[in-house]
Amino acid sequence: MRRGDWTAAEERLRGLVEGVDDPGMLYVYSVPALARLLARRGDPGAEPLLGAAWERAQRQRSLLGLASAGIASVEWAWLTGRPEQAVAVREVLLARTAPAGAAAVRGELLRYLARAGLGSFEEGLGSFEGCPEPWAAGLRGDWRAAAAAWERAGDPYEQALELAESGEVEPTLRALQILDDLGATPAATLVRRRLRDLGVQRIPRGASATTRANPAGLTPRQVDVLTLVATGMTNAEIAERLVVSVRTVDHHVSAVLGKLGASSRREAARAAGPLGLPAAS
């Protein structure tokens, strides 16, 4: 997920989450990561997962569980333009991350609170002594140092978010390109607004290489699933072929139907032809 290989990340996270009926206390360590990835892709399925994870984390009172679910919830609130939904999370986590041993968690929390408009230097929520980089650079407003550090760390998403803070056209355009390539639709939408505010008249429409080759906007794995659906395979057979869980295939099929505007597997299979895939006969 950090490297930007989001398709592989989603498959593996779904394998963790859906591989057991009840993960028990481990729910708050696996589900928030999947929900955060879905949030970054603009999948509305992120919201109920985050809500459930936050409720469980509060019951368990584990700092790592609260941090995983809470910071993901703050990011979702920012991406969806509903920062008020993260206020309760903010109060809980600010108190729990005050000790020095929680500096890394607090740094990430403060960076996303700042993006959501829920933290400011005036409130003492900027960079703090012991705050780790690159979070500290971002909180200081040093977007160049933060973006460069995230690039060295191999995290393109965080790199793009810092480039987008530049207030300059070229770095912001670079941020948009990275986000479009990742499929980070909500963040890319926010960056397009910033480019308009900067006076850019011709803003790239944002089709990544995958999307340009695939007008329906399917991910590579969704293309694989659609191809197999078009051959008449059941979800169980597709799961066996792709070595994933049946639940994961169920999710992919549902996503494919939604993106194609299809009401049935048969209708989706017939749509495969115009996409350059083997169509159902």
C-alpha atoms as a PDB file:
ATOM      1  CA  MET A   1       0.000   0.000   0.000  1.00  0.00           C
ATOM      2  CA  ARG A   2       2.813   2.417   0.873  1.00  0.00           C
ATOM      3  CA  ARG A   3       4.617   1.610  -2.376  1.00  0.00           C
ATOM      4  CA  GLY A   4       1.516   2.454  -4.380  1.00  0.00           C
ATOM      5  CA  ASP A   5       0.741  -1.097  -5.540  1.00  0.00           C
ATOM      6  CA  TRP A   6      -2.860  -0.701  -4.487  1.00  0.00           C
ATOM      7  CA  THR A   7      -4.366  -3.576  -6.466  1.00  0.00           C
ATOM      8  CA  ALA A   8      -2.059  -6.098  -4.807  1.00  0.00           C
ATOM      9  CA  ALA A   9      -2.575  -4.398  -1.449  1.00  0.00           C
ATOM     10  CA  GLU A  10      -6.360  -4.641  -1.713  1.00  0.00           C
ATOM     11  CA  GLU A  11      -6.236  -8.313  -2.639  1.00  0.00           C
ATOM     12  CA  ARG A  12      -3.952  -9.169   0.259  1.00  0.00           C
ATOM     13  CA  LEU A  13      -5.869  -7.056   2.755  1.00  0.00           C
ATOM     14  CA  ARG A  14      -9.146  -8.624   1.662  1.00  0.00           C
ATOM     15  CA  GLY A  15      -7.533 -12.006   2.111  1.00  0.00           C
ATOM     16  CA  LEU A  16      -6.718 -11.081   5.711  1.00  0.00           C
ATOM     17  CA  VAL A  17     -10.110  -9.560   6.454  1.00  0.00           C
ATOM     18  CA  GLU A  18     -12.295 -12.090   4.670  1.00  0.00           C
ATOM     19  CA  GLY A  19     -10.231 -15.190   5.349  1.00  0.00           C
ATOM     20  CA  VAL A  20     -11.824 -15.738   8.763  1.00  0.00           C
ATOM     21  CA  ASP A  21     -15.378 -15.325   9.999  1.00  0.00           C
ATOM     22  CA  ASP A  22     -14.447 -13.370  13.131  1.00  0.00           C
ATOM     23  CA  PRO A  23     -10.910 -11.985  13.559  1.00  0.00           C
ATOM     24  CA  GLY A  24     -11.725 -10.919  17.127  1.00  0.00           C
ATOM     25  CA  MET A  25      -9.367  -8.313  18.559  1.00  0.00           C
ATOM     26  CA  LEU A  26      -7.304  -8.394  15.339  1.00  0.00           C
ATOM     27  CA  TYR A  27     -10.177  -6.672  13.518  1.00  0.00           C
ATOM     28  CA  VAL A  28      -8.839  -3.240  14.485  1.00  0.00           C
ATOM     29  CA  TYR A  29      -5.432  -4.023  12.982  1.00  0.00           C
ATOM     30  CA  SER A  30      -6.589  -5.329   9.605  1.00  0.00           C
ATOM     31  CA  VAL A  31      -9.904  -3.700   8.689  1.00  0.00           C
ATOM     32  CA  PRO A  32      -8.726  -0.060   9.055  1.00  0.00           C
ATOM     33  CA  ALA A  33      -5.922  -0.652   6.563  1.00  0.00           C
ATOM     34  CA  LEU A  34      -8.343  -2.065   4.003  1.00  0.00           C
ATOM     35  CA  ALA A  35     -10.859   0.715   4.686  1.00  0.00           C
ATOM     36  CA  ARG A  36      -8.150   3.358   4.304  1.00  0.00           C
ATOM     37  CA  LEU A  37      -7.135   1.960   0.952  1.00  0.00           C
ATOM     38  CA  LEU A  38     -10.763   1.905  -0.192  1.00  0.00           C
ATOM     39  CA  ALA A  39     -11.126   5.507   0.994  1.00  0.00           C
ATOM     40  CA  ARG A  40      -8.144   6.558  -1.077  1.00  0.00           C
ATOM     41  CA  ARG A  41      -9.758   4.938  -4.108  1.00  0.00           C
ATOM     42  CA  GLY A  42     -13.090   6.641  -3.462  1.00  0.00           C
ATOM     43  CA  ASP A  43     -14.910   3.415  -2.639  1.00  0.00           C
ATOM     44  CA  PRO A  44     -17.998   4.192  -0.492  1.00  0.00           C
ATOM     45  CA  GLY A  45     -17.526   0.827   1.176  1.00  0.00           C
ATOM     46  CA  ALA A  46     -14.815   2.475   3.279  1.00  0.00           C
ATOM     47  CA  GLU A  47     -17.246   4.371   5.501  1.00  0.00           C
ATOM     48  CA  PRO A  48     -19.088   1.472   7.197  1.00  0.00           C
ATOM     49  CA  LEU A  49     -15.814  -0.380   7.707  1.00  0.00           C
ATOM     50  CA  LEU A  50     -14.235   2.659   9.347  1.00  0.00           C
ATOM     51  CA  GLY A  51     -17.238   3.198  11.577  1.00  0.00           C
ATOM     52  CA  ALA A  52     -17.175  -0.391  12.789  1.00  0.00           C
ATOM     53  CA  ALA A  53     -13.397  -0.342  13.288  1.00  0.00           C
ATOM     54  CA  TRP A  54     -13.522   2.873  15.330  1.00  0.00           C
ATOM     55  CA  GLU A  55     -16.266   1.503  17.571  1.00  0.00           C
ATOM     56  CA  ARG A  56     -14.311  -1.685  18.220  1.00  0.00           C
ATOM     57  CA  ALA A  57     -11.074   0.209  18.789  1.00  0.00           C
ATOM     58  CA  GLN A  58     -12.730   2.365  21.443  1.00  0.00           C
ATOM     59  CA  ARG A  59     -13.974  -0.739  23.229  1.00  0.00           C
ATOM     60  CA  GLN A  60     -10.547  -2.398  23.099  1.00  0.00           C
ATOM     61  CA  ARG A  61      -8.721   0.841  24.044  1.00  0.00           C
ATOM     62  CA  SER A  62      -5.540  -0.258  22.283  1.00  0.00           C
ATOM     63  CA  LEU A  63      -3.492   2.731  21.100  1.00  0.00           C
ATOM     64  CA  LEU A  64      -2.454   1.002  17.879  1.00  0.00           C
ATOM     65  CA  GLY A  65      -6.036   0.007  17.154  1.00  0.00           C
ATOM     66  CA  LEU A  66      -7.313   3.510  17.901  1.00  0.00           C
ATOM     67  CA  ALA A  67      -4.577   5.025  15.756  1.00  0.00           C
ATOM     68  CA  SER A  68      -5.222   2.707  12.805  1.00  0.00           C
ATOM     69  CA  ALA A  69      -8.961   3.292  12.794  1.00  0.00           C
ATOM     70  CA  GLY A  70      -8.833   6.915  13.893  1.00  0.00           C
ATOM     71  CA  ILE A  71      -6.290   8.301  11.448  1.00  0.00           C
ATOM     72  CA  ALA A  72      -7.985   6.439   8.613  1.00  0.00           C
ATOM     73  CA  SER A  73     -11.270   8.058   9.676  1.00  0.00           C
ATOM     74  CA  VAL A  74      -9.679  11.514   9.693  1.00  0.00           C
ATOM     75  CA  GLU A  75      -8.339  10.932   6.187  1.00  0.00           C
ATOM     76  CA  TRP A  76     -11.783   9.797   4.982  1.00  0.00           C
ATOM     77  CA  ALA A  77     -13.413  12.866   6.537  1.00  0.00           C
ATOM     78  CA  TRP A  78     -10.899  15.086   4.738  1.00  0.00           C
ATOM     79  CA  LEU A  79     -11.274  13.340   1.383  1.00  0.00           C
ATOM     80  CA  THR A  80     -15.063  13.530   1.504  1.00  0.00           C
ATOM     81  CA  GLY A  81     -15.184  17.153   2.651  1.00  0.00           C
ATOM     82  CA  ARG A  82     -16.818  16.306   5.980  1.00  0.00           C
ATOM     83  CA  PRO A  83     -14.209  17.256   8.597  1.00  0.00           C
ATOM     84  CA  GLU A  84     -16.843  17.564  11.308  1.00  0.00           C
ATOM     85  CA  GLN A  85     -17.115  13.771  11.292  1.00  0.00           C
ATOM     86  CA  ALA A  86     -13.540  13.529  12.592  1.00  0.00           C
ATOM     87  CA  VAL A  87     -13.932  15.873  15.562  1.00  0.00           C
ATOM     88  CA  ALA A  88     -14.696  13.078  18.025  1.00  0.00           C
ATOM     89  CA  VAL A  89     -11.745  11.058  16.746  1.00  0.00           C
ATOM     90  CA  ARG A  90      -9.544  14.120  17.105  1.00  0.00           C
ATOM     91  CA  GLU A  91     -10.325  14.550  20.789  1.00  0.00           C
ATOM     92  CA  VAL A  92      -9.719  10.899  21.651  1.00  0.00           C
ATOM     93  CA  LEU A  93      -6.458  10.559  19.745  1.00  0.00           C
ATOM     94  CA  LEU A  94      -4.944  13.877  20.771  1.00  0.00           C
ATOM     95  CA  ALA A  95      -5.215  12.777  24.382  1.00  0.00           C
ATOM     96  CA  ARG A  96      -3.945   9.254  23.737  1.00  0.00           C
ATOM     97  CA  THR A  97      -0.943  10.315  21.649  1.00  0.00           C
ATOM     98  CA  ALA A  98       0.406  12.953  24.042  1.00  0.00           C
ATOM     99  CA  PRO A  99       3.105  10.679  25.582  1.00  0.00           C
ATOM    100  CA  ALA A 100       6.536  10.812  23.907  1.00  0.00           C
ATOM    101  CA  GLY A 101       6.368   7.153  22.951  1.00  0.00           C
ATOM    102  CA  ALA A 102       3.482   7.895  20.581  1.00  0.00           C
ATOM    103  CA  ALA A 103       5.344  10.529  18.556  1.00  0.00           C
ATOM    104  CA  ALA A 104       5.135   8.657  15.247  1.00  0.00           C
ATOM    105  CA  VAL A 105       1.382   8.149  15.558  1.00  0.00           C
ATOM    106  CA  ARG A 106       0.870  11.744  16.676  1.00  0.00           C
ATOM    107  CA  GLY A 107       2.884  13.101  13.746  1.00  0.00           C
ATOM    108  CA  GLU A 108       0.691  11.324  11.201  1.00  0.00           C
ATOM    109  CA  LEU A 109      -2.461  12.249  13.092  1.00  0.00           C
ATOM    110  CA  LEU A 110      -1.559  15.948  13.175  1.00  0.00           C
ATOM    111  CA  ARG A 111      -0.664  15.973   9.486  1.00  0.00           C
ATOM    112  CA  TYR A 112      -4.079  14.613   8.499  1.00  0.00           C
ATOM    113  CA  LEU A 113      -5.891  16.815  10.997  1.00  0.00           C
ATOM    114  CA  ALA A 114      -4.171  19.797   9.378  1.00  0.00           C
ATOM    115  CA  ARG A 115      -5.312  18.658   5.938  1.00  0.00           C
ATOM    116  CA  ALA A 116      -8.857  18.338   7.242  1.00  0.00           C
ATOM    117  CA  GLY A 117      -8.709  21.818   8.761  1.00  0.00           C
ATOM    118  CA  LEU A 118      -8.875  20.433  12.303  1.00  0.00           C
ATOM    119  CA  GLY A 119      -5.419  21.402  13.487  1.00  0.00           C
ATOM    120  CA  SER A 120      -3.367  24.583  13.482  1.00  0.00           C
ATOM    121  CA  PHE A 121      -0.156  26.063  14.817  1.00  0.00           C
ATOM    122  CA  GLU A 122      -2.246  28.461  16.907  1.00  0.00           C
ATOM    123  CA  GLU A 123      -3.769  25.474  18.713  1.00  0.00           C
ATOM    124  CA  GLY A 124      -0.340  23.990  19.328  1.00  0.00           C
ATOM    125  CA  LEU A 125      -0.988  21.251  16.805  1.00  0.00           C
ATOM    126  CA  GLY A 126       1.937  21.904  14.487  1.00  0.00           C
ATOM    127  CA  SER A 127       5.294  20.164  14.492  1.00  0.00           C
ATOM    128  CA  PHE A 128       6.503  19.253  17.982  1.00  0.00           C
ATOM    129  CA  GLU A 129       9.766  18.218  19.590  1.00  0.00           C
ATOM    130  CA  GLY A 130      10.463  14.627  18.689  1.00  0.00           C
ATOM    131  CA  CYS A 131       8.059  14.606  15.730  1.00  0.00           C
ATOM    132  CA  PRO A 132       9.523  12.206  13.136  1.00  0.00           C
ATOM    133  CA  GLU A 133      10.197  13.135   9.547  1.00  0.00           C
ATOM    134  CA  PRO A 134       8.650  13.452   7.017  1.00  0.00           C
ATOM    135  CA  TRP A 135       5.589  14.325   9.121  1.00  0.00           C
ATOM    136  CA  ALA A 136       7.534  17.097  10.850  1.00  0.00           C
ATOM    137  CA  ALA A 137       8.511  18.757   7.568  1.00  0.00           C
ATOM    138  CA  GLY A 138       4.926  18.713   6.389  1.00  0.00           C
ATOM    139  CA  LEU A 139       3.688  20.177   9.657  1.00  0.00           C
ATOM    140  CA  ARG A 140       6.336  22.925   9.399  1.00  0.00           C
ATOM    141  CA  GLY A 141       5.023  23.785   5.949  1.00  0.00           C
ATOM    142  CA  ASP A 142       8.255  22.675   4.246  1.00  0.00           C
ATOM    143  CA  TRP A 143       6.579  20.862   1.368  1.00  0.00           C
ATOM    144  CA  ARG A 144       9.820  20.426  -0.568  1.00  0.00           C
ATOM    145  CA  ALA A 145      11.566  18.573   2.238  1.00  0.00           C
ATOM    146  CA  ALA A 146       8.466  16.513   3.007  1.00  0.00           C
ATOM    147  CA  ALA A 147       7.855  15.515  -0.628  1.00  0.00           C
ATOM    148  CA  ALA A 148      11.523  14.627  -1.143  1.00  0.00           C
ATOM    149  CA  ALA A 149      11.557  12.511   2.002  1.00  0.00           C
ATOM    150  CA  TRP A 150       8.427  10.627   0.980  1.00  0.00           C
ATOM    151  CA  GLU A 151       9.912  10.038  -2.467  1.00  0.00           C
ATOM    152  CA  ARG A 152      13.029   8.557  -0.875  1.00  0.00           C
ATOM    153  CA  ALA A 153      10.822   6.412   1.327  1.00  0.00           C
ATOM    154  CA  GLY A 154       8.995   5.127  -1.771  1.00  0.00           C
ATOM    155  CA  ASP A 155       5.549   6.414  -0.779  1.00  0.00           C
ATOM    156  CA  PRO A 156       4.078   8.168  -3.851  1.00  0.00           C
ATOM    157  CA  TYR A 157       0.732   9.008  -2.228  1.00  0.00           C
ATOM    158  CA  GLU A 158       2.229  10.997   0.638  1.00  0.00           C
ATOM    159  CA  GLN A 159       4.731  12.550  -1.785  1.00  0.00           C
ATOM    160  CA  ALA A 160       1.876  13.778  -3.968  1.00  0.00           C
ATOM    161  CA  LEU A 161      -0.063  15.208  -1.033  1.00  0.00           C
ATOM    162  CA  GLU A 162       2.950  17.281  -0.011  1.00  0.00           C
ATOM    163  CA  LEU A 163       3.622  18.456  -3.571  1.00  0.00           C
ATOM    164  CA  ALA A 164       0.019  19.609  -3.685  1.00  0.00           C
ATOM    165  CA  GLU A 165       0.719  21.899  -0.717  1.00  0.00           C
ATOM    166  CA  SER A 166       3.258  23.902  -2.723  1.00  0.00           C
ATOM    167  CA  GLY A 167       0.931  26.601  -3.966  1.00  0.00           C
ATOM    168  CA  GLU A 168       2.866  26.410  -7.230  1.00  0.00           C
ATOM    169  CA  VAL A 169       1.602  25.126 -10.553  1.00  0.00           C
ATOM    170  CA  GLU A 170       4.340  22.700 -11.580  1.00  0.00           C
ATOM    171  CA  PRO A 171       4.601  20.730  -8.310  1.00  0.00           C
ATOM    172  CA  THR A 172       0.807  20.627  -8.085  1.00  0.00           C
ATOM    173  CA  LEU A 173       0.556  19.249 -11.614  1.00  0.00           C
ATOM    174  CA  ARG A 174       3.123  16.615 -10.667  1.00  0.00           C
ATOM    175  CA  ALA A 175       1.007  15.732  -7.636  1.00  0.00           C
ATOM    176  CA  LEU A 176      -2.038  15.328  -9.853  1.00  0.00           C
ATOM    177  CA  GLN A 177      -0.183  13.012 -12.208  1.00  0.00           C
ATOM    178  CA  ILE A 178       0.930  10.782  -9.333  1.00  0.00           C
ATOM    179  CA  LEU A 179      -2.549  10.635  -7.825  1.00  0.00           C
ATOM    180  CA  ASP A 180      -4.166   9.864 -11.172  1.00  0.00           C
ATOM    181  CA  ASP A 181      -1.666   7.070 -11.773  1.00  0.00           C
ATOM    182  CA  LEU A 182      -2.463   5.620  -8.343  1.00  0.00           C
ATOM    183  CA  GLY A 183      -6.206   5.836  -8.896  1.00  0.00           C
ATOM    184  CA  ALA A 184      -6.499   8.151  -5.883  1.00  0.00           C
ATOM    185  CA  THR A 185      -9.666   9.791  -7.199  1.00  0.00           C
ATOM    186  CA  PRO A 186     -10.772  11.782  -4.111  1.00  0.00           C
ATOM    187  CA  ALA A 187      -7.354  13.362  -3.532  1.00  0.00           C
ATOM    188  CA  ALA A 188      -6.968  14.040  -7.260  1.00  0.00           C
ATOM    189  CA  THR A 189     -10.304  15.865  -7.216  1.00  0.00           C
ATOM    190  CA  LEU A 190      -9.056  18.110  -4.418  1.00  0.00           C
ATOM    191  CA  VAL A 191      -5.839  18.816  -6.320  1.00  0.00           C
ATOM    192  CA  ARG A 192      -7.786  19.775  -9.442  1.00  0.00           C
ATOM    193  CA  ARG A 193      -9.623  22.360  -7.365  1.00  0.00           C
ATOM    194  CA  ARG A 194      -6.306  23.768  -6.208  1.00  0.00           C
ATOM    195  CA  LEU A 195      -5.093  24.009  -9.788  1.00  0.00           C
ATOM    196  CA  ARG A 196      -8.212  25.947 -10.726  1.00  0.00           C
ATOM    197  CA  ASP A 197      -7.559  28.265  -7.780  1.00  0.00           C
ATOM    198  CA  LEU A 198      -4.024  28.746  -9.120  1.00  0.00           C
ATOM    199  CA  GLY A 199      -5.500  29.901 -12.422  1.00  0.00           C
ATOM    200  CA  VAL A 200      -4.640  26.842 -14.494  1.00  0.00           C
ATOM    201  CA  GLN A 201      -6.986  26.781 -17.475  1.00  0.00           C
ATOM    202  CA  ARG A 202      -6.198  23.396 -18.991  1.00  0.00           C
ATOM    203  CA  ILE A 203      -6.182  20.823 -16.230  1.00  0.00           C
ATOM    204  CA  PRO A 204      -5.460  17.208 -17.236  1.00  0.00           C
ATOM    205  CA  ARG A 205      -8.640  15.155 -17.166  1.00  0.00           C
ATOM    206  CA  GLY A 206      -6.843  12.465 -15.249  1.00  0.00           C
ATOM    207  CA  ALA A 207      -7.117   9.221 -17.126  1.00  0.00           C
ATOM    208  CA  SER A 208      -4.214   7.061 -16.063  1.00  0.00           C
ATOM    209  CA  ALA A 209      -2.532   4.720 -18.506  1.00  0.00           C
ATOM    210  CA  THR A 210      -4.779   1.924 -17.284  1.00  0.00           C
ATOM    211  CA  THR A 211      -7.926   3.977 -17.649  1.00  0.00           C
ATOM    212  CA  ARG A 212      -6.961   5.264 -21.084  1.00  0.00           C
ATOM    213  CA  ALA A 213      -6.636   1.664 -22.256  1.00  0.00           C
ATOM    214  CA  ASN A 214      -9.802   0.766 -20.402  1.00  0.00           C
ATOM    215  CA  PRO A 215     -12.670   3.277 -20.796  1.00  0.00           C
ATOM    216  CA  ALA A 216     -14.705   1.641 -18.029  1.00  0.00           C
ATOM    217  CA  GLY A 217     -12.032   2.496 -15.475  1.00  0.00           C
ATOM    218  CA  LEU A 218     -11.632  -1.094 -14.283  1.00  0.00           C
ATOM    219  CA  THR A 219      -8.568  -2.030 -12.291  1.00  0.00           C
ATOM    220  CA  PRO A 220      -6.281  -4.713 -13.777  1.00  0.00           C
ATOM    221  CA  ARG A 221      -7.731  -7.316 -11.408  1.00  0.00           C
ATOM    222  CA  GLN A 222     -11.290  -6.310 -12.305  1.00  0.00           C
ATOM    223  CA  VAL A 223     -10.390  -6.784 -15.969  1.00  0.00           C
ATOM    224  CA  ASP A 224      -9.170 -10.299 -15.087  1.00  0.00           C
ATOM    225  CA  VAL A 225     -12.416 -11.029 -13.280  1.00  0.00           C
ATOM    226  CA  LEU A 226     -14.584  -9.650 -16.083  1.00  0.00           C
ATOM    227  CA  THR A 227     -12.685 -11.724 -18.619  1.00  0.00           C
ATOM    228  CA  LEU A 228     -13.396 -14.875 -16.613  1.00  0.00           C
ATOM    229  CA  VAL A 229     -17.015 -13.888 -16.000  1.00  0.00           C
ATOM    230  CA  ALA A 230     -17.406 -13.565 -19.775  1.00  0.00           C
ATOM    231  CA  THR A 231     -16.239 -17.170 -20.172  1.00  0.00           C
ATOM    232  CA  GLY A 232     -19.096 -18.319 -17.945  1.00  0.00           C
ATOM    233  CA  MET A 233     -17.075 -19.118 -14.825  1.00  0.00           C
ATOM    234  CA  THR A 234     -18.742 -19.000 -11.421  1.00  0.00           C
ATOM    235  CA  ASN A 235     -17.274 -16.896  -8.623  1.00  0.00           C
ATOM    236  CA  ALA A 236     -15.918 -20.025  -6.964  1.00  0.00           C
ATOM    237  CA  GLU A 237     -14.173 -21.063 -10.184  1.00  0.00           C
ATOM    238  CA  ILE A 238     -12.750 -17.563 -10.638  1.00  0.00           C
ATOM    239  CA  ALA A 239     -11.475 -17.582  -7.047  1.00  0.00           C
ATOM    240  CA  GLU A 240      -9.703 -20.873  -7.664  1.00  0.00           C
ATOM    241  CA  ARG A 241      -8.173 -19.602 -10.919  1.00  0.00           C
ATOM    242  CA  LEU A 242      -6.934 -16.332  -9.390  1.00  0.00           C
ATOM    243  CA  VAL A 243      -5.990 -17.892  -6.032  1.00  0.00           C
ATOM    244  CA  VAL A 244      -8.112 -15.491  -3.980  1.00  0.00           C
ATOM    245  CA  SER A 245     -11.115 -15.927  -1.708  1.00  0.00           C
ATOM    246  CA  VAL A 246     -14.639 -16.220  -3.072  1.00  0.00           C
ATOM    247  CA  ARG A 247     -15.548 -13.123  -1.048  1.00  0.00           C
ATOM    248  CA  THR A 248     -12.855 -11.166  -2.830  1.00  0.00           C
ATOM    249  CA  VAL A 249     -14.248 -12.255  -6.190  1.00  0.00           C
ATOM    250  CA  ASP A 250     -17.749 -11.315  -5.008  1.00  0.00           C
ATOM    251  CA  HIS A 251     -16.460  -7.807  -4.298  1.00  0.00           C
ATOM    252  CA  HIS A 252     -14.715  -7.536  -7.660  1.00  0.00           C
ATOM    253  CA  VAL A 253     -17.791  -8.716  -9.549  1.00  0.00           C
ATOM    254  CA  SER A 254     -19.937  -6.194  -7.691  1.00  0.00           C
ATOM    255  CA  ALA A 255     -17.470  -3.413  -8.518  1.00  0.00           C
ATOM    256  CA  VAL A 256     -17.372  -4.439 -12.185  1.00  0.00           C
ATOM    257  CA  LEU A 257     -21.168  -4.408 -12.440  1.00  0.00           C
ATOM    258  CA  GLY A 258     -21.234  -0.946 -10.891  1.00  0.00           C
ATOM    259  CA  LYS A 259     -18.582   0.516 -13.172  1.00  0.00           C
ATOM    260  CA  LEU A 260     -20.180  -0.963 -16.269  1.00  0.00           C
ATOM    261  CA  GLY A 261     -23.688   0.007 -15.199  1.00  0.00           C
ATOM    262  CA  ALA A 262     -24.678  -3.608 -15.668  1.00  0.00           C
ATOM    263  CA  SER A 263     -27.557  -5.228 -13.812  1.00  0.00           C
ATOM    264  CA  SER A 264     -26.388  -8.819 -14.245  1.00  0.00           C
ATOM    265  CA  ARG A 265     -23.318 -10.950 -14.935  1.00  0.00           C
ATOM    266  CA  ARG A 266     -24.648 -11.700 -18.404  1.00  0.00           C
ATOM    267  CA  GLU A 267     -24.965  -7.994 -19.185  1.00  0.00           C
ATOM    268  CA  ALA A 268     -21.456  -7.337 -17.887  1.00  0.00           C
ATOM    269  CA  ALA A 269     -20.090 -10.214 -19.954  1.00  0.00           C
ATOM    270  CA  ARG A 270     -21.617  -8.760 -23.098  1.00  0.00           C
ATOM    271  CA  ALA A 271     -19.953  -5.425 -22.332  1.00  0.00           C
ATOM    272  CA  ALA A 272     -16.531  -7.071 -22.370  1.00  0.00           C
ATOM    273  CA  GLY A 273     -16.313  -6.970 -26.180  1.00  0.00           C
ATOM    274  CA  PRO A 274     -16.258  -3.156 -26.553  1.00  0.00           C
ATOM    275  CA  LEU A 275     -13.448  -3.082 -23.972  1.00  0.00           C
ATOM    276  CA  GLY A 276     -11.300  -5.326 -26.119  1.00  0.00           C
ATOM    277  CA  LEU A 277     -11.904  -8.374 -23.938  1.00  0.00           C
ATOM    278  CA  PRO A 278     -13.371 -11.730 -24.929  1.00  0.00           C
ATOM    279  CA  ALA A 279     -17.142 -11.186 -24.894  1.00  0.00           C
ATOM    280  CA  ALA A 280     -19.780 -13.718 -23.975  1.00  0.00           C
ATOM    281  CA  SER A 281     -21.297 -15.483 -26.911  1.00  0.00           C
END
